[in-house]
Amino acid sequence: MQTIFFDFDGTLVDSERFHAVNWSQYLASYGVELNSETFMSQYAGVTWPQIAEHFIYQYNIPLTETVMIEEMEALTEKMIVEKGIPPMPGVDELLKTLSGKVPMAVVTGAPKDYVQGVLAQHGWLALFEHVFSGYEVANNKPAPDVYLQACKTMRVLPEKAVAVEDSRTGLMSALNANTYAVFVNSHNIELTAQAQHSFTSMKEATPALLSLLKVND
């Protein structure tokens, strides 16, 4: 394997819970009762436009998708400043081990500005050659577009790239692009397709990733 791609939310940072709490709080202001655990189990990896479209239609919320997303972005920025988003266990050590030894990029379904801001907070932004966002291609995850764009830009064949994902949506995107998919998630998620490797934490996945990339710890 020649290159490694990391998803962002739920893979590098523990943001799935962070966003679930924020969405739950936000939706409650419009009379939608949905606790963060339920939200996380049902919408992890789903893009914000898709989430907004669903709740606006399902609950007749008098907003456009654009306005709902803008309000959620404002709440998210506020909560990032107040609380921050913690890294997933083992990620900092893995990134620093890989840095300078193998090309790395973030391949995310989230907006690039948000991702770059959080990467910078953790001191990781300079470790990555690129941040690729599904908002900048024709079709976001689970379509393969963002991974194919990443492979083209990084000049690597998809089958020579490792893609680390934590959600069904992200895994389907990686598999649809024909990358070598590694699934990392501590929850018992039923998958419709299987990754080449599955682990419950980044710490558990690290030896396999280093071996795939032929990097000595």
Protein backbone atom coordinates (compact mmCIF):
# COMPACT_ATOMS: atom_id res chain seq x y z
CA MET A 1 0.00 0.00 0.00
CA GLN A 2 1.29 3.44 -0.96
CA THR A 3 -1.05 6.00 0.61
CA ILE A 4 -3.46 6.23 3.53
CA PHE A 5 -6.74 8.14 3.60
CA PHE A 6 -8.53 8.90 6.85
CA ASP A 7 -12.16 9.79 7.25
CA PHE A 8 -12.56 12.59 9.79
CA ASP A 9 -15.68 12.54 11.99
CA GLY A 10 -15.63 9.47 14.22
CA THR A 11 -12.32 8.28 12.76
CA LEU A 12 -9.77 10.92 13.74
CA VAL A 13 -11.85 12.81 16.30
CA ASP A 14 -14.66 11.74 18.61
CA SER A 15 -17.09 14.04 16.85
CA GLU A 16 -19.98 11.68 16.15
CA ARG A 17 -21.11 12.04 19.77
CA PHE A 18 -20.26 15.75 19.74
CA HIS A 19 -22.46 16.35 16.68
CA ALA A 20 -25.21 14.05 17.98
CA VAL A 21 -25.50 16.08 21.19
CA ASN A 22 -25.58 19.33 19.20
CA TRP A 23 -28.18 18.05 16.73
CA SER A 24 -30.33 16.71 19.56
CA GLN A 25 -30.19 20.07 21.33
CA TYR A 26 -30.89 21.96 18.12
CA LEU A 27 -33.83 19.79 17.02
CA ALA A 28 -35.38 20.06 20.50
CA SER A 29 -35.71 23.81 19.89
CA TYR A 30 -38.11 22.89 17.07
CA GLY A 31 -40.05 20.37 19.14
CA VAL A 32 -38.26 17.24 17.92
CA GLU A 33 -37.41 14.92 20.81
CA LEU A 34 -34.49 12.70 19.85
CA ASN A 35 -31.74 11.81 22.30
CA SER A 36 -28.12 11.90 21.22
CA GLU A 37 -27.60 8.12 21.43
CA THR A 38 -30.50 7.46 19.06
CA PHE A 39 -29.33 10.20 16.72
CA MET A 40 -25.80 8.79 16.65
CA SER A 41 -26.97 5.24 15.93
CA GLN A 42 -29.21 6.35 13.05
CA TYR A 43 -27.35 9.25 11.45
CA ALA A 44 -23.61 8.64 11.94
CA GLY A 45 -21.92 9.25 8.59
CA VAL A 46 -25.00 10.88 7.04
CA THR A 47 -24.32 14.30 5.52
CA TRP A 48 -25.87 17.39 7.06
CA PRO A 49 -27.92 18.27 3.95
CA GLN A 50 -29.45 14.79 4.09
CA ILE A 51 -30.17 15.13 7.81
CA ALA A 52 -31.70 18.58 7.32
CA GLU A 53 -33.86 17.39 4.44
CA HIS A 54 -35.15 14.45 6.49
CA PHE A 55 -36.13 16.41 9.59
CA ILE A 56 -37.61 19.37 7.70
CA TYR A 57 -39.83 16.99 5.73
CA GLN A 58 -40.61 14.54 8.54
CA TYR A 59 -41.51 17.17 11.16
CA ASN A 60 -42.67 20.06 8.96
CA ILE A 61 -40.00 22.37 10.33
CA PRO A 62 -40.49 25.82 8.75
CA LEU A 63 -36.93 26.23 7.48
CA THR A 64 -35.02 25.68 4.28
CA GLU A 65 -32.17 23.17 4.28
CA THR A 66 -29.72 26.05 3.83
CA VAL A 67 -30.99 27.92 6.89
CA MET A 68 -31.00 24.79 9.06
CA ILE A 69 -27.42 23.97 8.09
CA GLU A 70 -26.31 27.57 8.70
CA GLU A 71 -27.87 27.48 12.17
CA MET A 72 -26.22 24.14 12.94
CA GLU A 73 -22.85 25.40 11.68
CA ALA A 74 -23.13 28.41 14.00
CA LEU A 75 -23.98 26.15 16.96
CA THR A 76 -21.12 23.80 16.06
CA GLU A 77 -18.58 26.63 15.86
CA LYS A 78 -19.75 27.89 19.26
CA MET A 79 -19.44 24.45 20.86
CA ILE A 80 -16.01 23.80 19.29
CA VAL A 81 -14.73 27.01 20.87
CA GLU A 82 -16.35 26.21 24.23
CA LYS A 83 -15.61 22.48 24.48
CA GLY A 84 -13.43 21.36 21.56
CA ILE A 85 -13.61 17.91 19.95
CA PRO A 86 -11.35 15.27 21.50
CA PRO A 87 -9.19 12.97 19.37
CA MET A 88 -10.04 9.30 19.09
CA PRO A 89 -7.73 7.19 21.28
CA GLY A 90 -4.53 6.22 19.51
CA VAL A 91 -4.91 8.65 16.62
CA ASP A 92 -2.29 11.19 17.66
CA GLU A 93 0.34 8.49 18.11
CA LEU A 94 -0.51 6.84 14.77
CA LEU A 95 -0.41 10.09 12.79
CA LYS A 96 2.95 11.06 14.25
CA THR A 97 4.33 7.59 13.49
CA LEU A 98 3.19 7.80 9.87
CA SER A 99 4.18 11.43 9.32
CA GLY A 100 6.97 11.79 6.77
CA LYS A 101 6.93 8.07 5.98
CA VAL A 102 3.78 7.68 3.89
CA PRO A 103 1.51 10.18 2.08
CA MET A 104 -1.61 10.95 4.12
CA ALA A 105 -4.84 12.78 3.34
CA VAL A 106 -8.20 13.32 4.98
CA VAL A 107 -11.17 12.20 2.87
CA THR A 108 -14.34 13.46 4.51
CA GLY A 109 -18.00 13.98 3.84
CA ALA A 110 -17.88 17.12 5.99
CA PRO A 111 -17.14 20.74 4.96
CA LYS A 112 -13.42 21.41 4.45
CA ASP A 113 -13.23 24.60 6.56
CA TYR A 114 -14.64 22.82 9.60
CA VAL A 115 -12.27 19.86 9.19
CA GLN A 116 -9.19 22.01 8.66
CA GLY A 117 -10.06 24.10 11.72
CA VAL A 118 -10.27 21.08 14.02
CA LEU A 119 -7.14 19.52 12.50
CA ALA A 120 -5.29 22.75 13.23
CA GLN A 121 -6.52 22.74 16.84
CA HIS A 122 -4.92 19.33 17.33
CA GLY A 123 -1.72 20.28 15.51
CA TRP A 124 -2.41 17.77 12.72
CA LEU A 125 -3.12 19.95 9.71
CA ALA A 126 0.50 20.04 8.50
CA LEU A 127 0.72 16.24 8.69
CA PHE A 128 -1.69 15.83 5.77
CA GLU A 129 -0.95 16.59 2.14
CA HIS A 130 -4.60 17.33 1.38
CA VAL A 131 -8.08 17.53 2.86
CA PHE A 132 -10.67 16.27 0.37
CA SER A 133 -14.32 17.12 1.05
CA GLY A 134 -17.40 15.44 -0.34
CA TYR A 135 -18.90 18.92 -0.62
CA GLU A 136 -16.44 19.64 -3.45
CA VAL A 137 -17.39 16.75 -5.75
CA ALA A 138 -20.57 15.91 -7.64
CA ASN A 139 -21.76 13.27 -5.16
CA ASN A 140 -20.84 12.98 -1.49
CA LYS A 141 -20.35 9.70 0.35
CA PRO A 142 -21.53 6.90 -0.07
CA ALA A 143 -20.70 7.65 -3.72
CA PRO A 144 -17.02 7.03 -4.54
CA ASP A 145 -16.43 10.52 -5.99
CA VAL A 146 -14.40 12.02 -3.15
CA TYR A 147 -12.12 8.97 -2.90
CA LEU A 148 -11.62 8.90 -6.66
CA GLN A 149 -10.73 12.59 -6.58
CA ALA A 150 -8.27 11.93 -3.75
CA CYS A 151 -6.62 9.08 -5.68
CA LYS A 152 -6.36 11.19 -8.82
CA THR A 153 -4.83 14.14 -6.97
CA MET A 154 -2.45 11.97 -4.95
CA ARG A 155 -1.53 9.97 -8.07
CA VAL A 156 -2.24 6.60 -6.51
CA LEU A 157 -4.31 3.70 -7.80
CA PRO A 158 -7.37 3.11 -5.57
CA GLU A 159 -6.32 -0.47 -4.86
CA LYS A 160 -2.98 0.87 -3.56
CA ALA A 161 -4.64 3.24 -1.08
CA VAL A 162 -5.80 2.34 2.43
CA ALA A 163 -9.05 4.04 3.46
CA VAL A 164 -9.90 4.17 7.18
CA GLU A 165 -13.61 4.64 7.88
CA ASP A 166 -15.98 4.37 10.84
CA SER A 167 -19.48 4.48 9.31
CA ARG A 168 -21.59 2.51 6.84
CA THR A 169 -21.75 5.53 4.54
CA GLY A 170 -18.00 6.04 4.54
CA LEU A 171 -17.25 2.35 4.14
CA MET A 172 -19.51 2.13 1.09
CA SER A 173 -17.74 5.15 -0.42
CA ALA A 174 -14.33 3.56 0.11
CA LEU A 175 -15.44 0.19 -1.27
CA ASN A 176 -17.22 1.77 -4.24
CA ALA A 177 -13.94 3.49 -5.11
CA ASN A 178 -12.09 0.15 -4.89
CA THR A 179 -9.75 1.28 -2.11
CA TYR A 180 -8.46 -1.08 0.58
CA ALA A 181 -11.00 -0.41 3.31
CA VAL A 182 -10.25 -0.62 7.03
CA PHE A 183 -13.27 -0.21 9.30
CA VAL A 184 -12.71 1.14 12.83
CA ASN A 185 -15.71 1.46 15.12
CA SER A 186 -16.34 0.48 18.74
CA HIS A 187 -20.10 0.11 18.21
CA ASN A 188 -21.73 -3.09 17.01
CA ILE A 189 -22.81 -1.82 13.59
CA GLU A 190 -24.43 -4.14 11.08
CA LEU A 191 -22.71 -3.70 7.73
CA THR A 192 -24.13 -4.44 4.30
CA ALA A 193 -20.61 -4.83 2.92
CA GLN A 194 -17.40 -5.96 4.54
CA ALA A 195 -14.13 -4.08 4.83
CA GLN A 196 -10.86 -5.89 4.27
CA HIS A 197 -10.16 -5.39 8.00
CA SER A 198 -12.38 -4.40 10.94
CA PHE A 199 -11.26 -3.19 14.36
CA THR A 200 -12.89 -1.73 17.45
CA SER A 201 -10.35 1.07 18.00
CA MET A 202 -7.51 2.90 16.28
CA LYS A 203 -5.12 1.46 18.85
CA GLU A 204 -6.19 -2.03 17.83
CA ALA A 205 -5.94 -1.13 14.13
CA THR A 206 -2.48 0.46 14.36
CA PRO A 207 -0.30 -2.68 13.98
CA ALA A 208 -2.24 -3.77 10.88
CA LEU A 209 -2.07 -0.30 9.34
CA LEU A 210 1.68 -0.04 9.93
CA SER A 211 2.13 -3.48 8.39
CA LEU A 212 0.03 -2.64 5.33
CA LEU A 213 2.03 0.54 4.78
CA LYS A 214 5.36 -1.15 5.59
CA VAL A 215 6.14 1.39 8.29
CA ASN A 216 8.25 0.46 11.31
CA ASP A 217 6.88 1.77 14.59
